[in-house]
Amino acid sequence: MNAFIAAPPVDIDGIREPVSGSLLYRNNIISGPIIPTSAAIGLHFYLIWEAASVDELLYNGGPYELIVLHFLLGVACYMGREWELSFLLGMHPWIAVAYSAPVEAATAVFLIYPIGQGSFSDGIAGVFGGSLFSAMHDSLVTSSLIRETTENESANEGYRFGQEEETYNVVAAHGYFGRLIFQYASFNNSRSLHFFLVAWPVVGI
């Protein structure tokens, strides 16, 4: 929040032409968030190359790097906390697994992508698209689970890892999705669906 309000201009491309991205430097609430400071993070990765002075650290985007690294650490720890809560409650870790998709997307965009100097822009479409598709698939699965227990038992008690029977109705889930979007956006085969979920971000990157 402090960086959004008062961070100094950043030399994004290493050409000594700083670009401002905070409210105090004449940005508004719309233009502030879209300043592409990620290139500055990758250009001057201070865990490897140390700045000669505090002024150089600020000029080359040091505050943004610290914010991004703390953010990634925080979301990763939160995913671990979700896994722990699922374990303590005797549940399958579906929430943590689904949450791992946006965590991986954020890590790729805010850490891996800047290190590559922004030279592979298709990676953003790949990781964010893969995250979106995974989240939509998770929603469809949750909405079409085949209940194996009574109303007085947790639905999670009816499933076991490695079971041969499906835990959800893929035809019903993607039949609805095909009517919602268009017919060819849906899958009737679980293997082809999961291959697509894996292949999209890999091809994009």
C-alpha atoms as a PDB file:
ATOM      1  CA  MET A   1       0.000   0.000   0.000  1.00  0.00           C
ATOM      2  CA  ASN A   2       2.858   2.368   0.806  1.00  0.00           C
ATOM      3  CA  ALA A   3       4.447   1.662  -2.582  1.00  0.00           C
ATOM      4  CA  PHE A   4       1.141   2.325  -4.339  1.00  0.00           C
ATOM      5  CA  ILE A   5       0.872   5.708  -2.611  1.00  0.00           C
ATOM      6  CA  ALA A   6       4.438   7.004  -2.357  1.00  0.00           C
ATOM      7  CA  ALA A   7       6.978   4.800  -4.166  1.00  0.00           C
ATOM      8  CA  PRO A   8       9.518   6.806  -6.205  1.00  0.00           C
ATOM      9  CA  PRO A   9       9.806   6.485 -10.013  1.00  0.00           C
ATOM     10  CA  VAL A  10      11.476   3.313 -11.263  1.00  0.00           C
ATOM     11  CA  ASP A  11      13.944   2.740 -14.090  1.00  0.00           C
ATOM     12  CA  ILE A  12      11.927   0.004 -15.773  1.00  0.00           C
ATOM     13  CA  ASP A  13      14.021  -0.832 -18.822  1.00  0.00           C
ATOM     14  CA  GLY A  14      17.471   0.109 -17.559  1.00  0.00           C
ATOM     15  CA  ILE A  15      17.687   3.101 -19.934  1.00  0.00           C
ATOM     16  CA  ARG A  16      17.831   5.735 -17.158  1.00  0.00           C
ATOM     17  CA  GLU A  17      14.296   6.924 -17.930  1.00  0.00           C
ATOM     18  CA  PRO A  18      12.297   6.438 -14.716  1.00  0.00           C
ATOM     19  CA  VAL A  19       8.551   5.788 -14.832  1.00  0.00           C
ATOM     20  CA  SER A  20       6.359   6.776 -11.894  1.00  0.00           C
ATOM     21  CA  GLY A  21       3.698   4.414 -10.594  1.00  0.00           C
ATOM     22  CA  SER A  22       2.395   5.951  -7.358  1.00  0.00           C
ATOM     23  CA  LEU A  23      -0.334   8.400  -6.414  1.00  0.00           C
ATOM     24  CA  LEU A  24       2.032  11.082  -5.097  1.00  0.00           C
ATOM     25  CA  TYR A  25       3.777  11.207  -8.480  1.00  0.00           C
ATOM     26  CA  ARG A  26       0.678  12.418 -10.356  1.00  0.00           C
ATOM     27  CA  ASN A  27      -0.875   9.015 -11.039  1.00  0.00           C
ATOM     28  CA  ASN A  28      -4.528   8.303 -10.416  1.00  0.00           C
ATOM     29  CA  ILE A  29      -6.021   5.149  -8.949  1.00  0.00           C
ATOM     30  CA  ILE A  30      -6.328   3.584 -12.422  1.00  0.00           C
ATOM     31  CA  SER A  31      -2.947   4.431 -13.941  1.00  0.00           C
ATOM     32  CA  GLY A  32      -1.026   3.615 -10.744  1.00  0.00           C
ATOM     33  CA  PRO A  33      -1.590  -0.169 -10.721  1.00  0.00           C
ATOM     34  CA  ILE A  34      -0.823  -0.666 -14.411  1.00  0.00           C
ATOM     35  CA  ILE A  35       2.709   0.755 -14.406  1.00  0.00           C
ATOM     36  CA  PRO A  36       4.800  -2.307 -15.423  1.00  0.00           C
ATOM     37  CA  THR A  37       7.313  -2.347 -12.590  1.00  0.00           C
ATOM     38  CA  SER A  38       7.887  -6.101 -12.883  1.00  0.00           C
ATOM     39  CA  ALA A  39      10.667  -5.513 -15.415  1.00  0.00           C
ATOM     40  CA  ALA A  40      12.506  -3.424 -12.836  1.00  0.00           C
ATOM     41  CA  ILE A  41      12.258  -6.302 -10.370  1.00  0.00           C
ATOM     42  CA  GLY A  42      13.902  -8.684 -12.815  1.00  0.00           C
ATOM     43  CA  LEU A  43      16.412  -6.143 -14.088  1.00  0.00           C
ATOM     44  CA  HIS A  44      17.789  -5.458 -10.612  1.00  0.00           C
ATOM     45  CA  PHE A  45      17.295  -8.645  -8.603  1.00  0.00           C
ATOM     46  CA  TYR A  46      18.938  -7.528  -5.382  1.00  0.00           C
ATOM     47  CA  LEU A  47      19.139 -10.958  -3.830  1.00  0.00           C
ATOM     48  CA  ILE A  48      21.845 -11.580  -6.434  1.00  0.00           C
ATOM     49  CA  TRP A  49      23.143  -8.099  -7.371  1.00  0.00           C
ATOM     50  CA  GLU A  50      23.281  -5.683  -4.440  1.00  0.00           C
ATOM     51  CA  ALA A  51      22.676  -1.982  -4.881  1.00  0.00           C
ATOM     52  CA  ALA A  52      25.543   0.414  -4.242  1.00  0.00           C
ATOM     53  CA  SER A  53      23.318   2.781  -2.245  1.00  0.00           C
ATOM     54  CA  VAL A  54      19.790   3.223  -0.923  1.00  0.00           C
ATOM     55  CA  ASP A  55      19.095   5.758  -3.672  1.00  0.00           C
ATOM     56  CA  GLU A  56      20.019   3.189  -6.303  1.00  0.00           C
ATOM     57  CA  LEU A  57      17.834   0.598  -4.589  1.00  0.00           C
ATOM     58  CA  LEU A  58      14.840   2.954  -4.722  1.00  0.00           C
ATOM     59  CA  TYR A  59      15.590   4.112  -8.258  1.00  0.00           C
ATOM     60  CA  ASN A  60      15.809   0.599  -9.654  1.00  0.00           C
ATOM     61  CA  GLY A  61      12.636  -0.755  -8.072  1.00  0.00           C
ATOM     62  CA  GLY A  62      13.821  -2.268  -4.799  1.00  0.00           C
ATOM     63  CA  PRO A  63      10.554  -1.565  -2.891  1.00  0.00           C
ATOM     64  CA  TYR A  64       8.515  -3.350  -5.518  1.00  0.00           C
ATOM     65  CA  GLU A  65      10.772  -6.384  -5.318  1.00  0.00           C
ATOM     66  CA  LEU A  66      10.437  -6.589  -1.531  1.00  0.00           C
ATOM     67  CA  ILE A  67       6.656  -6.245  -1.751  1.00  0.00           C
ATOM     68  CA  VAL A  68       6.359  -8.946  -4.412  1.00  0.00           C
ATOM     69  CA  LEU A  69       8.596 -11.411  -2.565  1.00  0.00           C
ATOM     70  CA  HIS A  70       6.685 -10.921   0.695  1.00  0.00           C
ATOM     71  CA  PHE A  71       3.393 -11.294  -1.186  1.00  0.00           C
ATOM     72  CA  LEU A  72       4.475 -14.585  -2.763  1.00  0.00           C
ATOM     73  CA  LEU A  73       5.691 -15.902   0.582  1.00  0.00           C
ATOM     74  CA  GLY A  74       2.369 -14.932   2.167  1.00  0.00           C
ATOM     75  CA  VAL A  75       0.147 -16.626  -0.415  1.00  0.00           C
ATOM     76  CA  ALA A  76       2.298 -19.784  -0.329  1.00  0.00           C
ATOM     77  CA  CYS A  77       2.014 -19.941   3.471  1.00  0.00           C
ATOM     78  CA  TYR A  78      -1.746 -19.438   3.212  1.00  0.00           C
ATOM     79  CA  MET A  79      -1.972 -22.399   0.844  1.00  0.00           C
ATOM     80  CA  GLY A  80      -0.091 -24.496   3.388  1.00  0.00           C
ATOM     81  CA  ARG A  81      -2.513 -23.351   6.075  1.00  0.00           C
ATOM     82  CA  GLU A  82      -5.471 -24.451   3.952  1.00  0.00           C
ATOM     83  CA  TRP A  83      -3.861 -27.874   3.511  1.00  0.00           C
ATOM     84  CA  GLU A  84      -3.318 -28.117   7.282  1.00  0.00           C
ATOM     85  CA  LEU A  85      -6.929 -27.202   8.053  1.00  0.00           C
ATOM     86  CA  SER A  86      -8.196 -29.794   5.567  1.00  0.00           C
ATOM     87  CA  PHE A  87      -6.013 -32.440   7.237  1.00  0.00           C
ATOM     88  CA  LEU A  88      -7.183 -31.521  10.744  1.00  0.00           C
ATOM     89  CA  LEU A  89     -10.839 -31.634   9.671  1.00  0.00           C
ATOM     90  CA  GLY A  90     -10.410 -34.987   7.925  1.00  0.00           C
ATOM     91  CA  MET A  91     -11.148 -33.516   4.509  1.00  0.00           C
ATOM     92  CA  HIS A  92      -9.526 -34.015   1.148  1.00  0.00           C
ATOM     93  CA  PRO A  93      -7.364 -30.963   0.344  1.00  0.00           C
ATOM     94  CA  TRP A  94      -9.454 -29.790  -2.613  1.00  0.00           C
ATOM     95  CA  ILE A  95      -9.402 -26.140  -1.554  1.00  0.00           C
ATOM     96  CA  ALA A  96      -5.616 -26.066  -1.219  1.00  0.00           C
ATOM     97  CA  VAL A  97      -5.185 -27.856  -4.551  1.00  0.00           C
ATOM     98  CA  ALA A  98      -7.516 -25.414  -6.320  1.00  0.00           C
ATOM     99  CA  TYR A  99      -5.797 -22.451  -4.636  1.00  0.00           C
ATOM    100  CA  SER A 100      -2.431 -23.674  -5.935  1.00  0.00           C
ATOM    101  CA  ALA A 101      -3.409 -22.620  -9.488  1.00  0.00           C
ATOM    102  CA  PRO A 102      -3.527 -18.855  -8.798  1.00  0.00           C
ATOM    103  CA  VAL A 103      -0.476 -19.206  -6.522  1.00  0.00           C
ATOM    104  CA  GLU A 104       1.493 -20.724  -9.396  1.00  0.00           C
ATOM    105  CA  ALA A 105       0.177 -18.062 -11.772  1.00  0.00           C
ATOM    106  CA  ALA A 106       1.204 -15.250  -9.410  1.00  0.00           C
ATOM    107  CA  THR A 107       4.650 -16.784  -8.905  1.00  0.00           C
ATOM    108  CA  ALA A 108       5.174 -17.137 -12.644  1.00  0.00           C
ATOM    109  CA  VAL A 109       4.047 -13.591 -13.443  1.00  0.00           C
ATOM    110  CA  PHE A 110       5.599 -11.703 -10.527  1.00  0.00           C
ATOM    111  CA  LEU A 111       8.837 -13.681 -10.077  1.00  0.00           C
ATOM    112  CA  ILE A 112       9.704 -15.959 -13.015  1.00  0.00           C
ATOM    113  CA  TYR A 113       8.441 -13.624 -15.731  1.00  0.00           C
ATOM    114  CA  PRO A 114      10.403 -10.543 -14.513  1.00  0.00           C
ATOM    115  CA  ILE A 115      13.623 -12.551 -14.284  1.00  0.00           C
ATOM    116  CA  GLY A 116      13.174 -13.310 -17.979  1.00  0.00           C
ATOM    117  CA  GLN A 117      13.121  -9.533 -18.646  1.00  0.00           C
ATOM    118  CA  GLY A 118       9.614  -9.672 -20.084  1.00  0.00           C
ATOM    119  CA  SER A 119      10.787 -11.360 -23.268  1.00  0.00           C
ATOM    120  CA  PHE A 120       8.007 -13.985 -23.389  1.00  0.00           C
ATOM    121  CA  SER A 121       4.696 -12.154 -23.160  1.00  0.00           C
ATOM    122  CA  ASP A 122       2.672 -15.250 -24.070  1.00  0.00           C
ATOM    123  CA  GLY A 123       3.561 -16.626 -20.655  1.00  0.00           C
ATOM    124  CA  ILE A 124       1.070 -14.267 -19.009  1.00  0.00           C
ATOM    125  CA  ALA A 125      -1.782 -15.580 -21.154  1.00  0.00           C
ATOM    126  CA  GLY A 126      -0.600 -19.109 -20.421  1.00  0.00           C
ATOM    127  CA  VAL A 127      -0.387 -18.930 -16.636  1.00  0.00           C
ATOM    128  CA  PHE A 128      -3.401 -16.687 -16.065  1.00  0.00           C
ATOM    129  CA  GLY A 129      -5.447 -18.632 -18.618  1.00  0.00           C
ATOM    130  CA  GLY A 130      -4.457 -21.897 -16.982  1.00  0.00           C
ATOM    131  CA  SER A 131      -5.369 -20.475 -13.585  1.00  0.00           C
ATOM    132  CA  LEU A 132      -8.775 -19.357 -14.871  1.00  0.00           C
ATOM    133  CA  PHE A 133      -9.514 -22.723 -16.502  1.00  0.00           C
ATOM    134  CA  SER A 134      -8.464 -24.590 -13.343  1.00  0.00           C
ATOM    135  CA  ALA A 135     -10.705 -22.402 -11.188  1.00  0.00           C
ATOM    136  CA  MET A 136     -13.661 -22.931 -13.538  1.00  0.00           C
ATOM    137  CA  HIS A 137     -13.046 -26.688 -13.559  1.00  0.00           C
ATOM    138  CA  ASP A 138     -12.911 -26.725  -9.761  1.00  0.00           C
ATOM    139  CA  SER A 139     -16.254 -24.914  -9.632  1.00  0.00           C
ATOM    140  CA  LEU A 140     -17.834 -27.412 -12.032  1.00  0.00           C
ATOM    141  CA  VAL A 141     -16.455 -30.375 -10.066  1.00  0.00           C
ATOM    142  CA  THR A 142     -17.735 -29.005  -6.766  1.00  0.00           C
ATOM    143  CA  SER A 143     -21.169 -28.455  -8.309  1.00  0.00           C
ATOM    144  CA  SER A 144     -21.477 -31.990  -9.693  1.00  0.00           C
ATOM    145  CA  LEU A 145     -20.028 -34.246  -6.973  1.00  0.00           C
ATOM    146  CA  ILE A 146     -21.586 -37.701  -6.746  1.00  0.00           C
ATOM    147  CA  ARG A 147     -22.618 -37.978  -3.105  1.00  0.00           C
ATOM    148  CA  GLU A 148     -21.816 -41.336  -1.512  1.00  0.00           C
ATOM    149  CA  THR A 149     -22.822 -40.490   2.066  1.00  0.00           C
ATOM    150  CA  THR A 150     -25.964 -39.549   3.969  1.00  0.00           C
ATOM    151  CA  GLU A 151     -26.953 -36.012   4.872  1.00  0.00           C
ATOM    152  CA  ASN A 152     -25.563 -36.542   8.376  1.00  0.00           C
ATOM    153  CA  GLU A 153     -22.056 -37.378   7.132  1.00  0.00           C
ATOM    154  CA  SER A 154     -19.453 -35.245   5.419  1.00  0.00           C
ATOM    155  CA  ALA A 155     -19.432 -35.650   1.637  1.00  0.00           C
ATOM    156  CA  ASN A 156     -15.653 -36.083   1.863  1.00  0.00           C
ATOM    157  CA  GLU A 157     -16.076 -39.400   3.694  1.00  0.00           C
ATOM    158  CA  GLY A 158     -17.406 -41.020   0.531  1.00  0.00           C
ATOM    159  CA  TYR A 159     -14.204 -40.718  -1.481  1.00  0.00           C
ATOM    160  CA  ARG A 160     -10.737 -42.246  -1.336  1.00  0.00           C
ATOM    161  CA  PHE A 161      -7.580 -41.318  -3.209  1.00  0.00           C
ATOM    162  CA  GLY A 162      -6.949 -43.685  -6.105  1.00  0.00           C
ATOM    163  CA  GLN A 163     -10.506 -44.991  -6.310  1.00  0.00           C
ATOM    164  CA  GLU A 164     -11.655 -46.278  -9.699  1.00  0.00           C
ATOM    165  CA  GLU A 165     -15.085 -44.634  -9.582  1.00  0.00           C
ATOM    166  CA  GLU A 166     -15.423 -40.986 -10.566  1.00  0.00           C
ATOM    167  CA  THR A 167     -16.082 -38.501  -7.803  1.00  0.00           C
ATOM    168  CA  TYR A 168     -18.078 -36.143 -10.032  1.00  0.00           C
ATOM    169  CA  ASN A 169     -20.221 -36.299 -13.157  1.00  0.00           C
ATOM    170  CA  VAL A 170     -18.076 -34.822 -15.931  1.00  0.00           C
ATOM    171  CA  VAL A 171     -20.869 -35.111 -18.519  1.00  0.00           C
ATOM    172  CA  ALA A 172     -23.341 -33.171 -16.386  1.00  0.00           C
ATOM    173  CA  ALA A 173     -20.772 -30.538 -15.403  1.00  0.00           C
ATOM    174  CA  HIS A 174     -19.498 -29.822 -18.897  1.00  0.00           C
ATOM    175  CA  GLY A 175     -22.909 -30.247 -20.470  1.00  0.00           C
ATOM    176  CA  TYR A 176     -23.960 -27.236 -18.415  1.00  0.00           C
ATOM    177  CA  PHE A 177     -20.725 -25.418 -19.277  1.00  0.00           C
ATOM    178  CA  GLY A 178     -21.270 -26.070 -22.993  1.00  0.00           C
ATOM    179  CA  ARG A 179     -24.745 -24.538 -22.814  1.00  0.00           C
ATOM    180  CA  LEU A 180     -23.413 -21.619 -20.785  1.00  0.00           C
ATOM    181  CA  ILE A 181     -20.557 -20.676 -23.160  1.00  0.00           C
ATOM    182  CA  PHE A 182     -20.743 -22.649 -26.416  1.00  0.00           C
ATOM    183  CA  GLN A 183     -20.832 -26.335 -27.244  1.00  0.00           C
ATOM    184  CA  TYR A 184     -17.201 -26.825 -28.248  1.00  0.00           C
ATOM    185  CA  ALA A 185     -15.891 -25.272 -25.006  1.00  0.00           C
ATOM    186  CA  SER A 186     -16.978 -28.343 -23.032  1.00  0.00           C
ATOM    187  CA  PHE A 187     -15.322 -31.749 -22.581  1.00  0.00           C
ATOM    188  CA  ASN A 188     -16.965 -35.158 -22.310  1.00  0.00           C
ATOM    189  CA  ASN A 189     -13.711 -36.983 -21.590  1.00  0.00           C
ATOM    190  CA  SER A 190     -11.942 -36.440 -18.272  1.00  0.00           C
ATOM    191  CA  ARG A 191      -8.483 -37.320 -19.623  1.00  0.00           C
ATOM    192  CA  SER A 192      -8.632 -34.856 -22.520  1.00  0.00           C
ATOM    193  CA  LEU A 193      -9.909 -32.194 -20.124  1.00  0.00           C
ATOM    194  CA  HIS A 194      -7.014 -32.618 -17.708  1.00  0.00           C
ATOM    195  CA  PHE A 195      -4.534 -32.775 -20.583  1.00  0.00           C
ATOM    196  CA  PHE A 196      -5.858 -29.395 -21.743  1.00  0.00           C
ATOM    197  CA  LEU A 197      -5.512 -27.933 -18.226  1.00  0.00           C
ATOM    198  CA  VAL A 198      -1.851 -29.000 -18.178  1.00  0.00           C
ATOM    199  CA  ALA A 199      -1.012 -28.168 -21.789  1.00  0.00           C
ATOM    200  CA  TRP A 200      -2.398 -24.608 -21.905  1.00  0.00           C
ATOM    201  CA  PRO A 201       0.041 -22.967 -19.427  1.00  0.00           C
ATOM    202  CA  VAL A 202       2.964 -25.102 -20.658  1.00  0.00           C
ATOM    203  CA  VAL A 203       2.445 -24.080 -24.296  1.00  0.00           C
ATOM    204  CA  GLY A 204       1.869 -20.450 -23.271  1.00  0.00           C
ATOM    205  CA  ILE A 205       5.137 -20.301 -21.340  1.00  0.00           C
END
